[in-house]
Amino acid sequence: MAALAFLMIPPAAEAAETVLTAPGAPDAVTDRLRAASAVLAASNAKVEGAQELYAAALSDYRTLVQVLYDAGYFSPVVSIRLDGREAAEISSISPPQQVAKVAITVEPGRPFRFRTARIAPVTQDTELPPDFAPGRPASTAVIRDAGAAARDGWRRAGYAKVAVGQQRITAIHPSAELDADIRLLPGRQLRFGKLYVTGEDRVREAAILRIAGIPTGEIYDPETVKRLGARLRRTGAFKSVSIVESETANADGTLDFTAEVQEQLPRRITFGAEVQSRSGVNLSAVWLHRNLFGNAERLRLEADVRNIGGDQPIDGLVSARLDMPARLGRDNNVFFLTELERIERLHYNMDRFLIGVGIRRTKSDQLFGEASLTLSTARATDAFGDRDFNLLSLPLHVQLDKRDSTNNATRGYFVDATVTPFTGFGQSASGVAAKIDTRAYLSLSESGSIVLAGRLQLGSVVGASLSEISPDLLFYSGGAGTVRGHPYQSLGIPVGTDVAGGRSILVASAEVRAKVTEKIGVVGFFDYGAVDSSAFVGSGAESHSGAGIGLRYDIGAFGPIRFDIAAPVSGTTDDGLQFYLGIGQSF
């Protein structure tokens, strides 16, 4: 009886053999068909149930035809056979109980061209796709793009509720031509109405409305709608922000919106660490409050401890910054800051205290500028002896970030520039300090597996002599941020038996970054730095260079873990290997 029971057990089902052929179709179209097929997806997932394969086959008819329409083939023939039977002809009342083979055959037919390509009315500034024209290859993708472009043109002109009216899409099969005639219904021009808020908890509704800054009464503009959400997201107080327009306009020609927000947790603590062979370990911690007084104010408390175990005494920084959004206009933040810092460097040390107030103007997610007024007092010891500096400064800072990633860029460029006029009190001199940091990235492959990265840093101080300038405004070269292979801030201007910073600097860096695997990459780099006692780097400037190799391990959103080994190529500031460990690319 046991043997009989064993024989009665049905054999385990095996995954069906699945084949898709598309004779006459370009390889790119065949690849798209395979990627879209539910039957192939089920087969790859080892789905064994016959009914699941049958359902996937029925859905594939429509899916594969749509793929061909998007590619410009409007006379296709699609056959899907389950063990030799056409799936569309199998009764759903008695579906197959098992399927051993699925054969999909797609005959695309001839590619079509537009005989008529018309969409109207459109605004004067509307740019339709070049392929939406008589004689050009026809496809539903081109028709959709033309419709989207025409609707966007009307929306930019203030017609937020533009709709598609009558559509006549006719395929002429004998000549393989397509007629596309689409009518738009612009409706009436609308103006911005009110903004309502949902989902708020700790952040006051009045603050959300002020920060978003809907321009009630102005002509509707979709770019303005995007800015409403961007302003709220920039505060950091919200996990998600969605600006939803009302389904219908008001009788007075205005259109209302709703800001659907989800708030972040109000507090966040972060930690960071960096290791260098000579300067030791640098530790940092940040405590952040995203909504200090209920109006999305951001308070940032930061502490750094540097040179732990390094060749210089331990120093550090304690700072605080409070940002108050939309205080002097929709895109303007007012901020207050204070810093207390002890600086211990190879060639100078300084105790400094600073307070300031400023305005941050955000033009877009990629461009912002800051102007602040700061008052600082410091006592420093360097090659020129013990000195006190009391300065009133007006830093002007602009940053443009066109990179595809802040932590691991493969394309784009980055510019960060600061100009700081300063006035000294007592024995302190006056002048202007300026510096600029530019970076560019070029990917040699579509996937970003090989990237060329370059960086150029320039700096200058004018209006005061070398001995009258605070050491933290002067320039040194060497270390992870300038020239690797040389100790941090090891290159400056000889003054007697000591070294002071220069009034000008030039640093150029180049890297070749290559991925070995999806997670692991290698880097080769070369750095050059020059420092001069004059306001601009000349031919007689002190200089050095370094080169090395690095290893990267990608950990996702934080960028790669970075390990670099570098050696000096020229210069006299060191003659040994240096290593650097951190998170994110070096620049």
Protein backbone atom coordinates (compact mmCIF):
# COMPACT_ATOMS: atom_id res chain seq x y z
CA MET A 1 0.00 0.00 0.00
CA ALA A 2 2.93 2.36 0.71
CA ALA A 3 4.29 1.70 -2.77
CA LEU A 4 0.85 2.31 -4.28
CA ALA A 5 0.50 5.60 -2.38
CA PHE A 6 3.93 6.69 -3.61
CA LEU A 7 2.97 6.02 -7.21
CA MET A 8 -0.21 8.08 -6.83
CA ILE A 9 1.71 11.25 -5.75
CA PRO A 10 1.82 13.62 -8.77
CA PRO A 11 5.29 14.51 -10.00
CA ALA A 12 6.66 17.93 -9.01
CA ALA A 13 5.88 20.59 -11.56
CA GLU A 14 8.72 22.08 -13.55
CA ALA A 15 8.99 25.63 -14.80
CA ALA A 16 7.70 25.97 -18.35
CA GLU A 17 10.10 26.59 -21.21
CA THR A 18 9.49 30.11 -22.52
CA VAL A 19 10.72 31.53 -25.83
CA LEU A 20 10.11 34.98 -27.39
CA THR A 21 11.05 35.67 -30.99
CA ALA A 22 10.46 38.81 -33.02
CA PRO A 23 11.63 38.23 -36.60
CA GLY A 24 12.36 41.47 -38.40
CA ALA A 25 12.39 43.62 -35.24
CA PRO A 26 15.51 45.61 -34.30
CA ASP A 27 17.46 44.25 -31.36
CA ALA A 28 16.49 47.25 -29.20
CA VAL A 29 12.78 46.58 -29.80
CA THR A 30 13.22 42.87 -29.08
CA ASP A 31 14.94 43.72 -25.81
CA ARG A 32 12.04 45.99 -24.85
CA LEU A 33 9.54 43.23 -25.65
CA ARG A 34 11.40 40.76 -23.48
CA ALA A 35 11.66 43.28 -20.62
CA ALA A 36 7.91 44.01 -20.77
CA SER A 37 6.65 40.43 -21.05
CA ALA A 38 4.83 39.16 -17.96
CA VAL A 39 5.27 35.58 -19.19
CA LEU A 40 9.04 35.90 -19.34
CA ALA A 41 9.05 37.59 -15.93
CA ALA A 42 7.03 34.69 -14.48
CA SER A 43 9.36 32.17 -16.08
CA ASN A 44 12.46 33.93 -14.71
CA ALA A 45 10.83 33.94 -11.27
CA LYS A 46 10.33 30.13 -11.57
CA VAL A 47 6.54 30.42 -11.48
CA GLU A 48 5.20 26.88 -12.06
CA GLY A 49 1.43 27.33 -11.86
CA ALA A 50 -0.33 26.87 -15.21
CA GLN A 51 -3.08 29.35 -14.36
CA GLU A 52 -0.52 32.04 -13.50
CA LEU A 53 1.18 31.53 -16.86
CA TYR A 54 -2.18 31.60 -18.63
CA ALA A 55 -3.10 34.93 -16.96
CA ALA A 56 0.32 36.38 -17.80
CA ALA A 57 -0.10 35.31 -21.43
CA LEU A 58 -3.48 37.05 -21.72
CA SER A 59 -2.05 40.31 -20.33
CA ASP A 60 0.96 40.11 -22.66
CA TYR A 61 -1.14 40.66 -25.80
CA ARG A 62 -1.95 44.22 -24.80
CA THR A 63 1.47 44.87 -23.26
CA LEU A 64 3.49 43.75 -26.28
CA VAL A 65 1.26 45.60 -28.73
CA GLN A 66 1.74 48.78 -26.69
CA VAL A 67 5.52 48.31 -26.77
CA LEU A 68 5.37 48.05 -30.55
CA TYR A 69 3.12 51.11 -30.84
CA ASP A 70 5.62 53.06 -28.75
CA ALA A 71 8.36 51.93 -31.13
CA GLY A 72 6.39 52.97 -34.24
CA TYR A 73 4.97 49.62 -35.40
CA PHE A 74 1.21 49.87 -35.89
CA SER A 75 0.55 46.61 -37.80
CA PRO A 76 1.85 44.01 -35.38
CA VAL A 77 0.80 40.40 -35.04
CA VAL A 78 1.32 38.82 -31.62
CA SER A 79 0.95 35.09 -31.07
CA ILE A 80 1.29 33.47 -27.64
CA ARG A 81 0.96 29.70 -27.66
CA LEU A 82 0.69 27.50 -24.57
CA ASP A 83 1.78 24.01 -25.59
CA GLY A 84 0.77 24.85 -29.14
CA ARG A 85 -2.64 26.42 -28.31
CA GLU A 86 -3.21 30.17 -28.81
CA ALA A 87 -3.76 31.60 -25.34
CA ALA A 88 -6.46 34.02 -26.51
CA GLU A 89 -8.53 31.10 -27.83
CA ILE A 90 -8.44 29.07 -24.60
CA SER A 91 -11.66 29.35 -22.62
CA SER A 92 -11.24 31.01 -19.24
CA ILE A 93 -13.80 28.53 -17.88
CA SER A 94 -11.43 25.61 -18.47
CA PRO A 95 -7.88 27.02 -18.32
CA PRO A 96 -4.93 24.67 -18.82
CA GLN A 97 -3.91 22.53 -15.85
CA GLN A 98 -0.26 22.45 -16.80
CA VAL A 99 1.97 24.22 -19.31
CA ALA A 100 5.27 22.82 -20.53
CA LYS A 101 6.16 25.38 -23.19
CA VAL A 102 5.21 28.97 -23.99
CA ALA A 103 6.10 30.27 -27.46
CA ILE A 104 5.70 34.03 -28.08
CA THR A 105 6.04 35.18 -31.67
CA VAL A 106 5.88 38.85 -32.55
CA GLU A 107 5.69 40.08 -36.15
CA PRO A 108 6.19 43.86 -35.95
CA GLY A 109 5.32 44.71 -39.55
CA ARG A 110 6.63 47.86 -41.21
CA PRO A 111 7.59 50.96 -39.18
CA PHE A 112 5.10 53.81 -39.73
CA ARG A 113 5.68 57.48 -40.52
CA PHE A 114 3.49 60.49 -39.84
CA ARG A 115 1.31 61.60 -42.72
CA THR A 116 -0.42 64.19 -40.53
CA ALA A 117 0.98 65.49 -37.24
CA ARG A 118 -1.15 68.26 -35.83
CA ILE A 119 -1.92 69.48 -32.32
CA ALA A 120 -3.76 72.74 -31.72
CA PRO A 121 -4.10 75.26 -30.34
CA VAL A 122 -0.62 75.84 -28.88
CA THR A 123 1.07 78.88 -27.37
CA GLN A 124 3.74 80.83 -29.24
CA ASP A 125 6.56 79.57 -27.02
CA THR A 126 5.59 75.89 -27.26
CA GLU A 127 8.30 73.69 -28.75
CA LEU A 128 6.88 70.42 -30.06
CA PRO A 129 9.19 67.40 -30.48
CA PRO A 130 11.02 67.53 -33.84
CA ASP A 131 9.78 64.01 -34.66
CA PHE A 132 6.15 65.15 -34.44
CA ALA A 133 6.03 66.22 -38.11
CA PRO A 134 4.91 64.75 -41.47
CA GLY A 135 7.42 62.27 -42.85
CA ARG A 136 9.04 61.56 -39.48
CA PRO A 137 8.94 58.13 -37.78
CA ALA A 138 5.62 57.77 -35.96
CA SER A 139 5.06 56.33 -32.51
CA THR A 140 2.70 56.72 -29.59
CA ALA A 141 5.68 57.88 -27.52
CA VAL A 142 6.17 60.86 -29.84
CA ILE A 143 2.45 61.64 -29.73
CA ARG A 144 2.50 61.59 -25.92
CA ASP A 145 5.57 63.85 -25.84
CA ALA A 146 3.88 66.30 -28.22
CA GLY A 147 0.73 66.35 -26.09
CA ALA A 148 2.76 66.90 -22.93
CA ALA A 149 4.75 69.74 -24.54
CA ALA A 150 1.57 71.45 -25.74
CA ARG A 151 -0.12 71.15 -22.34
CA ASP A 152 3.01 72.42 -20.57
CA GLY A 153 3.04 75.45 -22.86
CA TRP A 154 -0.51 76.37 -21.84
CA ARG A 155 0.24 75.73 -18.16
CA ARG A 156 3.26 78.03 -18.31
CA ALA A 157 0.94 80.69 -19.72
CA GLY A 158 -1.38 80.33 -16.72
CA TYR A 159 -3.93 77.85 -18.10
CA ALA A 160 -3.63 75.28 -15.32
CA LYS A 161 -6.65 73.20 -16.32
CA VAL A 162 -5.83 72.69 -20.01
CA ALA A 163 -7.30 69.39 -21.20
CA VAL A 164 -7.11 67.15 -24.25
CA GLY A 165 -10.23 67.36 -26.41
CA GLN A 166 -10.93 65.35 -29.53
CA GLN A 167 -8.20 62.94 -30.68
CA ARG A 168 -8.09 61.32 -34.13
CA ILE A 169 -5.32 58.76 -34.46
CA THR A 170 -5.65 56.80 -37.72
CA ALA A 171 -3.27 54.17 -39.07
CA ILE A 172 -3.16 53.78 -42.86
CA HIS A 173 -1.82 50.25 -43.17
CA PRO A 174 -1.24 49.96 -46.98
CA SER A 175 1.18 52.93 -46.91
CA ALA A 176 2.40 52.46 -43.32
CA GLU A 177 1.43 56.01 -42.40
CA LEU A 178 -0.23 57.55 -39.36
CA ASP A 179 -2.52 60.54 -39.00
CA ALA A 180 -2.46 62.25 -35.60
CA ASP A 181 -4.82 65.19 -35.02
CA ILE A 182 -5.28 66.38 -31.42
CA ARG A 183 -7.35 69.28 -30.11
CA LEU A 184 -6.60 70.97 -26.81
CA LEU A 185 -9.06 72.77 -24.55
CA PRO A 186 -7.05 75.48 -22.75
CA GLY A 187 -9.90 76.73 -20.59
CA ARG A 188 -9.35 80.07 -18.89
CA GLN A 189 -6.25 81.68 -17.49
CA LEU A 190 -6.09 81.25 -13.71
CA ARG A 191 -4.45 83.05 -10.81
CA PHE A 192 -3.07 81.68 -7.57
CA GLY A 193 -5.63 81.45 -4.79
CA LYS A 194 -5.19 80.19 -1.24
CA LEU A 195 -2.88 77.57 0.20
CA TYR A 196 -4.24 75.10 2.75
CA VAL A 197 -2.13 72.81 4.95
CA THR A 198 -2.68 69.23 6.09
CA GLY A 199 -0.48 66.92 8.17
CA GLU A 200 1.20 69.59 10.28
CA ASP A 201 1.89 68.76 13.92
CA ARG A 202 4.65 70.73 15.65
CA VAL A 203 5.28 73.31 12.93
CA ARG A 204 2.68 76.07 13.04
CA GLU A 205 0.38 76.42 10.05
CA ALA A 206 1.09 80.16 9.83
CA ALA A 207 4.82 79.42 9.56
CA ILE A 208 4.24 76.87 6.79
CA LEU A 209 2.17 79.37 4.83
CA ARG A 210 4.80 82.08 5.26
CA ILE A 211 7.68 79.81 4.21
CA ALA A 212 5.84 78.43 1.16
CA GLY A 213 4.85 81.96 0.14
CA ILE A 214 2.07 81.35 -2.37
CA PRO A 215 1.72 84.51 -4.51
CA THR A 216 -2.06 84.93 -4.22
CA GLY A 217 -3.46 86.91 -7.11
CA GLU A 218 -0.57 86.33 -9.51
CA ILE A 219 -0.95 84.40 -12.79
CA TYR A 220 -0.55 80.64 -12.31
CA ASP A 221 2.90 79.26 -13.13
CA PRO A 222 3.95 75.60 -12.63
CA GLU A 223 7.52 76.62 -11.74
CA THR A 224 6.14 78.71 -8.88
CA VAL A 225 4.25 75.66 -7.64
CA LYS A 226 7.51 73.69 -7.54
CA ARG A 227 9.14 76.47 -5.55
CA LEU A 228 6.40 76.30 -2.92
CA GLY A 229 7.36 72.73 -2.09
CA ALA A 230 11.11 73.37 -2.44
CA ARG A 231 11.01 76.14 0.18
CA LEU A 232 9.34 73.86 2.68
CA ARG A 233 11.73 70.98 1.99
CA ARG A 234 14.79 73.22 2.42
CA THR A 235 13.91 73.88 6.04
CA GLY A 236 14.62 70.24 6.85
CA ALA A 237 11.58 70.14 9.14
CA PHE A 238 9.56 67.89 6.84
CA LYS A 239 10.03 64.28 5.80
CA SER A 240 7.80 64.80 2.76
CA VAL A 241 6.04 67.73 1.08
CA SER A 242 3.45 67.53 -1.68
CA ILE A 243 1.74 70.56 -3.24
CA VAL A 244 -1.63 69.45 -4.65
CA GLU A 245 -3.77 71.74 -6.80
CA SER A 246 -7.54 71.72 -6.47
CA GLU A 247 -9.54 69.73 -9.00
CA THR A 248 -11.57 72.77 -10.05
CA ALA A 249 -10.90 76.50 -10.09
CA ASN A 250 -12.86 78.99 -8.05
CA ALA A 251 -15.56 81.13 -9.62
CA ASP A 252 -13.33 84.21 -9.41
CA GLY A 253 -10.63 82.60 -11.58
CA THR A 254 -8.30 81.59 -8.76
CA LEU A 255 -6.92 78.14 -8.07
CA ASP A 256 -6.36 76.86 -4.54
CA PHE A 257 -3.66 74.43 -3.41
CA THR A 258 -3.03 72.12 -0.46
CA ALA A 259 0.37 71.52 1.11
CA GLU A 260 0.40 67.93 2.35
CA VAL A 261 3.30 67.66 4.80
CA GLN A 262 4.81 64.99 7.00
CA GLU A 263 7.17 66.28 9.66
CA GLN A 264 10.60 64.97 10.55
CA LEU A 265 11.54 64.07 14.09
CA PRO A 266 12.61 67.41 15.58
CA ARG A 267 16.07 66.34 16.80
CA ARG A 268 19.00 64.59 15.20
CA ILE A 269 22.50 63.70 16.39
CA THR A 270 25.31 62.84 13.97
CA PHE A 271 28.94 61.82 14.46
CA GLY A 272 31.93 61.87 12.15
CA ALA A 273 35.58 60.77 12.16
CA GLU A 274 38.63 61.19 9.95
CA VAL A 275 42.08 59.62 10.34
CA GLN A 276 45.35 60.98 8.94
CA SER A 277 48.76 59.48 9.59
CA ARG A 278 50.34 62.67 10.97
CA SER A 279 47.48 64.74 12.35
CA GLY A 280 45.80 61.75 14.00
CA VAL A 281 42.07 61.40 14.53
CA ASN A 282 39.51 64.18 14.09
CA LEU A 283 36.14 63.64 15.76
CA SER A 284 32.99 65.68 15.21
CA ALA A 285 29.46 65.69 16.57
CA VAL A 286 26.39 67.69 15.58
CA TRP A 287 23.15 68.17 17.51
CA LEU A 288 20.37 69.51 15.33
CA HIS A 289 16.92 70.82 16.20
CA ARG A 290 14.71 71.27 13.13
CA ASN A 291 11.86 73.20 14.74
CA LEU A 292 13.18 75.10 17.74
CA PHE A 293 10.32 77.57 18.33
CA GLY A 294 7.59 75.97 16.21
CA ASN A 295 8.35 77.95 13.03
CA ALA A 296 10.78 75.48 11.38
CA GLU A 297 13.81 77.25 12.87
CA ARG A 298 16.97 75.17 12.61
CA LEU A 299 19.48 75.19 15.48
CA ARG A 300 22.80 73.48 14.81
CA LEU A 301 25.26 72.87 17.66
CA GLU A 302 28.60 71.49 16.53
CA ALA A 303 31.74 70.33 18.31
CA ASP A 304 35.04 69.22 16.77
CA VAL A 305 38.07 67.71 18.51
CA ARG A 306 41.16 67.50 16.31
CA ASN A 307 44.70 66.10 16.36
CA ILE A 308 43.91 63.22 18.72
CA GLY A 309 47.13 61.19 18.72
CA GLY A 310 48.65 63.46 16.08
CA ASP A 311 51.90 65.38 15.94
CA GLN A 312 50.25 68.60 17.13
CA PRO A 313 48.45 69.45 20.41
CA ILE A 314 44.74 68.71 20.55
CA ASP A 315 42.51 71.60 19.48
CA GLY A 316 38.85 72.01 18.65
CA LEU A 317 35.78 74.06 17.85
CA VAL A 318 32.42 74.69 19.46
CA SER A 319 29.87 76.52 17.31
CA ALA A 320 26.17 77.31 17.11
CA ARG A 321 24.04 78.52 14.22
CA LEU A 322 20.34 79.39 14.22
CA ASP A 323 18.55 79.67 10.86
CA MET A 324 15.13 81.34 10.72
CA PRO A 325 13.41 80.69 7.37
CA ALA A 326 11.48 83.26 5.31
CA ARG A 327 12.22 86.19 7.61
CA LEU A 328 13.16 88.74 4.93
CA GLY A 329 11.24 87.34 1.98
CA ARG A 330 10.17 83.94 0.72
CA ASP A 331 13.67 82.74 -0.20
CA ASN A 332 15.67 84.56 2.47
CA ASN A 333 16.75 83.08 5.79
CA VAL A 334 18.15 85.13 8.64
CA PHE A 335 20.84 83.36 10.63
CA PHE A 336 22.83 83.98 13.79
CA LEU A 337 26.12 82.29 14.55
CA THR A 338 28.81 82.08 17.18
CA GLU A 339 32.10 80.18 17.32
CA LEU A 340 34.73 79.50 19.96
CA GLU A 341 37.85 77.85 18.59
CA ARG A 342 41.28 76.76 19.70
CA ILE A 343 43.62 76.24 16.72
CA GLU A 344 46.90 74.35 17.09
CA ARG A 345 48.83 74.08 13.86
CA LEU A 346 52.37 73.24 12.89
CA HIS A 347 53.29 76.91 12.40
CA TYR A 348 50.81 78.84 14.54
CA ASN A 349 48.25 78.63 17.30
CA MET A 350 45.21 80.82 17.96
CA ASP A 351 42.31 81.32 20.32
CA ARG A 352 39.36 82.90 18.52
CA PHE A 353 35.82 83.98 19.36
CA LEU A 354 33.30 85.10 16.72
CA ILE A 355 29.69 86.24 16.62
CA GLY A 356 27.70 87.19 13.56
CA VAL A 357 24.39 87.69 11.83
CA GLY A 358 23.60 87.14 8.18
CA ILE A 359 21.16 86.51 5.36
CA ARG A 360 21.03 83.42 3.16
CA ARG A 361 19.39 83.83 -0.24
CA THR A 362 18.42 80.59 -1.99
CA LYS A 363 17.95 80.89 -5.73
CA SER A 364 17.42 77.18 -6.34
CA ASP A 365 18.42 73.81 -4.94
CA GLN A 366 21.73 74.27 -6.75
CA LEU A 367 22.52 77.94 -6.12
CA PHE A 368 22.60 80.00 -2.94
CA GLY A 369 24.41 83.02 -1.54
CA GLU A 370 25.12 84.33 1.96
CA ALA A 371 26.09 87.73 3.30
CA SER A 372 26.95 88.14 6.97
CA LEU A 373 28.41 90.65 9.37
CA THR A 374 30.80 89.15 11.92
CA LEU A 375 32.82 90.48 14.82
CA SER A 376 35.80 88.44 15.95
CA THR A 377 38.58 88.73 18.45
CA ALA A 378 41.65 86.47 18.50
CA ARG A 379 45.08 86.04 20.03
CA ALA A 380 47.64 84.28 17.87
CA THR A 381 51.26 83.15 18.04
CA ASP A 382 53.15 82.50 14.81
CA ALA A 383 56.40 83.37 13.04
CA PHE A 384 55.74 87.07 13.73
CA GLY A 385 55.30 86.61 17.48
CA ASP A 386 52.29 87.14 19.76
CA ARG A 387 49.55 89.33 18.25
CA ASP A 388 45.93 90.29 18.83
CA PHE A 389 43.37 90.66 16.03
CA ASN A 390 40.03 92.44 16.34
CA LEU A 391 38.12 92.34 13.06
CA LEU A 392 34.77 93.42 11.70
CA SER A 393 34.17 91.33 8.57
CA LEU A 394 31.58 91.10 5.80
CA PRO A 395 31.87 87.61 4.27
CA LEU A 396 30.06 87.20 0.94
CA HIS A 397 29.65 83.55 0.00
CA VAL A 398 28.19 81.98 -3.19
CA GLN A 399 27.89 78.29 -4.03
CA LEU A 400 26.77 76.66 -7.30
CA ASP A 401 26.45 72.87 -7.26
CA LYS A 402 25.77 71.16 -10.60
CA ARG A 403 27.06 67.72 -9.58
CA ASP A 404 24.96 64.59 -9.99
CA SER A 405 25.90 63.58 -6.41
CA THR A 406 27.36 65.49 -3.49
CA ASN A 407 29.21 62.47 -2.04
CA ASN A 408 30.23 60.55 -5.16
CA ALA A 409 29.97 62.74 -8.24
CA THR A 410 30.47 61.33 -11.74
CA ARG A 411 29.29 64.31 -13.82
CA GLY A 412 28.88 68.06 -13.50
CA TYR A 413 30.77 70.80 -11.69
CA PHE A 414 30.89 72.68 -8.39
CA VAL A 415 31.91 76.27 -7.56
CA ASP A 416 32.28 77.73 -4.06
CA ALA A 417 33.54 81.32 -3.72
CA THR A 418 33.96 83.67 -0.75
CA VAL A 419 35.05 87.31 -0.65
CA THR A 420 35.60 88.79 2.82
CA PRO A 421 36.31 92.49 3.29
CA PHE A 422 37.57 93.08 6.85
CA THR A 423 38.29 96.13 8.97
CA GLY A 424 40.72 95.98 11.85
CA PHE A 425 40.45 97.76 15.19
CA GLY A 426 43.40 98.94 17.24
CA GLN A 427 46.61 97.49 15.78
CA SER A 428 44.76 95.19 13.39
CA ALA A 429 45.00 95.92 9.65
CA SER A 430 42.21 96.07 7.06
CA GLY A 431 41.95 94.31 3.72
CA VAL A 432 40.07 91.81 1.56
CA ALA A 433 40.43 88.03 1.57
CA ALA A 434 39.10 85.90 -1.30
CA LYS A 435 39.09 82.22 -2.14
CA ILE A 436 37.45 80.00 -4.73
CA ASP A 437 37.11 76.23 -4.96
CA THR A 438 36.11 74.76 -8.35
CA ARG A 439 35.59 71.08 -9.17
CA ALA A 440 34.63 69.28 -12.38
CA TYR A 441 33.74 65.67 -13.20
CA LEU A 442 33.71 63.78 -16.50
CA SER A 443 32.40 60.24 -16.86
CA LEU A 444 34.10 58.17 -19.57
CA SER A 445 31.34 55.57 -19.51
CA GLU A 446 27.56 55.69 -19.38
CA SER A 447 27.51 53.83 -16.07
CA GLY A 448 30.07 56.10 -14.43
CA SER A 449 32.55 53.25 -13.95
CA ILE A 450 35.49 55.47 -15.00
CA VAL A 451 35.50 59.11 -13.92
CA LEU A 452 38.01 61.93 -14.36
CA ALA A 453 37.82 64.44 -11.51
CA GLY A 454 39.65 67.76 -11.24
CA ARG A 455 39.88 70.47 -8.60
CA LEU A 456 41.35 73.98 -8.61
CA GLN A 457 41.66 76.15 -5.49
CA LEU A 458 42.76 79.79 -5.54
CA GLY A 459 43.11 82.26 -2.69
CA SER A 460 44.40 85.79 -2.11
CA VAL A 461 44.58 88.48 0.57
CA VAL A 462 45.08 92.11 -0.48
CA GLY A 463 45.29 95.44 1.36
CA ALA A 464 47.55 94.34 4.23
CA SER A 465 51.12 93.09 4.54
CA LEU A 466 51.94 89.51 5.44
CA SER A 467 52.83 90.34 9.06
CA GLU A 468 49.55 92.26 9.58
CA ILE A 469 47.17 89.47 8.56
CA SER A 470 45.56 87.06 11.00
CA PRO A 471 47.07 83.55 10.57
CA ASP A 472 43.65 81.99 9.92
CA LEU A 473 43.28 84.24 6.85
CA LEU A 474 46.64 83.19 5.41
CA PHE A 475 47.14 80.12 3.23
CA TYR A 476 49.05 76.89 3.83
CA SER A 477 49.29 73.80 1.67
CA GLY A 478 49.54 70.13 2.58
CA GLY A 479 47.16 67.48 3.81
CA ALA A 480 43.90 65.88 2.72
CA GLY A 481 42.25 69.10 1.51
CA THR A 482 45.18 70.35 -0.57
CA VAL A 483 48.28 68.24 -1.36
CA ARG A 484 48.23 64.67 -0.15
CA GLY A 485 51.60 63.09 0.62
CA HIS A 486 52.67 66.09 2.72
CA PRO A 487 51.71 66.88 6.34
CA TYR A 488 48.76 69.16 7.02
CA GLN A 489 49.58 72.86 6.42
CA SER A 490 53.27 72.04 6.10
CA LEU A 491 54.01 74.46 3.23
CA GLY A 492 54.09 78.21 3.85
CA ILE A 493 56.43 81.21 3.59
CA PRO A 494 59.83 81.04 5.36
CA VAL A 495 60.16 83.76 8.02
CA GLY A 496 63.49 83.52 9.79
CA THR A 497 63.68 80.01 11.23
CA ASP A 498 59.89 79.59 11.17
CA VAL A 499 57.15 79.46 8.55
CA ALA A 500 54.08 81.72 8.07
CA GLY A 501 51.09 81.36 5.81
CA GLY A 502 51.08 82.95 2.37
CA ARG A 503 48.95 85.78 1.02
CA SER A 504 48.06 83.65 -2.01
CA ILE A 505 47.65 79.99 -2.89
CA LEU A 506 47.12 77.77 -5.91
CA VAL A 507 46.21 74.09 -5.54
CA ALA A 508 45.40 71.75 -8.44
CA SER A 509 44.30 68.13 -8.03
CA ALA A 510 43.45 65.41 -10.54
CA GLU A 511 41.98 61.95 -9.95
CA VAL A 512 41.12 58.94 -12.09
CA ARG A 513 38.36 56.91 -10.41
CA ALA A 514 37.52 53.41 -11.63
CA LYS A 515 35.02 50.85 -10.35
CA VAL A 516 36.33 47.31 -9.94
CA THR A 517 32.97 45.95 -8.77
CA GLU A 518 29.62 47.51 -7.95
CA LYS A 519 30.91 48.38 -4.45
CA ILE A 520 34.70 48.57 -4.78
CA GLY A 521 36.66 51.22 -6.65
CA VAL A 522 40.26 52.32 -7.05
CA VAL A 523 41.66 55.84 -7.48
CA GLY A 524 44.90 57.29 -8.74
CA PHE A 525 45.63 60.95 -7.94
CA PHE A 526 48.15 63.79 -8.24
CA ASP A 527 48.12 67.05 -6.25
CA TYR A 528 50.13 70.25 -6.70
CA GLY A 529 50.22 73.27 -4.39
CA ALA A 530 51.97 76.63 -4.39
CA VAL A 531 52.00 79.42 -1.79
CA ASP A 532 53.34 82.96 -2.27
CA SER A 533 54.02 85.96 -0.02
CA SER A 534 52.50 88.34 -2.59
CA ALA A 535 48.80 88.76 -3.38
CA PHE A 536 49.09 86.42 -6.39
CA VAL A 537 51.07 83.23 -6.91
CA GLY A 538 54.13 83.91 -9.06
CA SER A 539 56.96 81.90 -10.58
CA GLY A 540 59.03 82.11 -7.39
CA ALA A 541 56.35 80.71 -5.11
CA GLU A 542 57.01 77.92 -2.63
CA SER A 543 55.55 74.69 -4.03
CA HIS A 544 55.27 70.95 -3.53
CA SER A 545 53.36 68.02 -5.03
CA GLY A 546 52.23 64.53 -4.12
CA ALA A 547 50.70 61.47 -5.72
CA GLY A 548 49.15 58.22 -4.62
CA ILE A 549 46.49 55.58 -4.93
CA GLY A 550 43.28 54.97 -3.03
CA LEU A 551 40.62 52.38 -2.35
CA ARG A 552 36.87 53.11 -2.21
CA TYR A 553 34.05 51.00 -0.78
CA ASP A 554 30.58 52.33 -1.56
CA ILE A 555 28.18 52.38 1.42
CA GLY A 556 25.26 54.01 -0.40
CA ALA A 557 23.82 57.42 0.44
CA PHE A 558 26.84 58.40 2.56
CA GLY A 559 29.23 57.88 -0.36
CA PRO A 560 32.26 55.59 -0.31
CA ILE A 561 34.60 54.85 2.57
CA ARG A 562 37.89 56.40 1.45
CA PHE A 563 41.40 55.09 2.10
CA ASP A 564 44.30 56.88 0.37
CA ILE A 565 48.06 56.37 0.50
CA ALA A 566 50.19 59.22 -0.85
CA ALA A 567 53.87 60.07 -1.16
CA PRO A 568 55.62 63.36 -1.95
CA VAL A 569 56.70 63.92 -5.56
CA SER A 570 58.40 67.31 -5.10
CA GLY A 571 59.03 69.78 -2.28
CA THR A 572 60.87 69.60 1.02
CA THR A 573 58.00 69.43 3.51
CA ASP A 574 58.16 65.63 3.92
CA ASP A 575 59.75 62.45 2.59
CA GLY A 576 57.49 59.66 3.80
CA LEU A 577 54.16 58.01 3.12
CA GLN A 578 50.92 59.57 4.35
CA PHE A 579 47.57 57.79 4.66
CA TYR A 580 44.04 59.20 4.88
CA LEU A 581 40.79 57.53 5.95
CA GLY A 582 37.34 59.12 5.70
CA ILE A 583 33.84 58.94 4.22
CA GLY A 584 33.02 60.39 0.81
CA GLN A 585 35.32 61.16 -2.09
CA SER A 586 38.26 63.48 -1.39
CA PHE A 587 36.45 66.14 -3.46
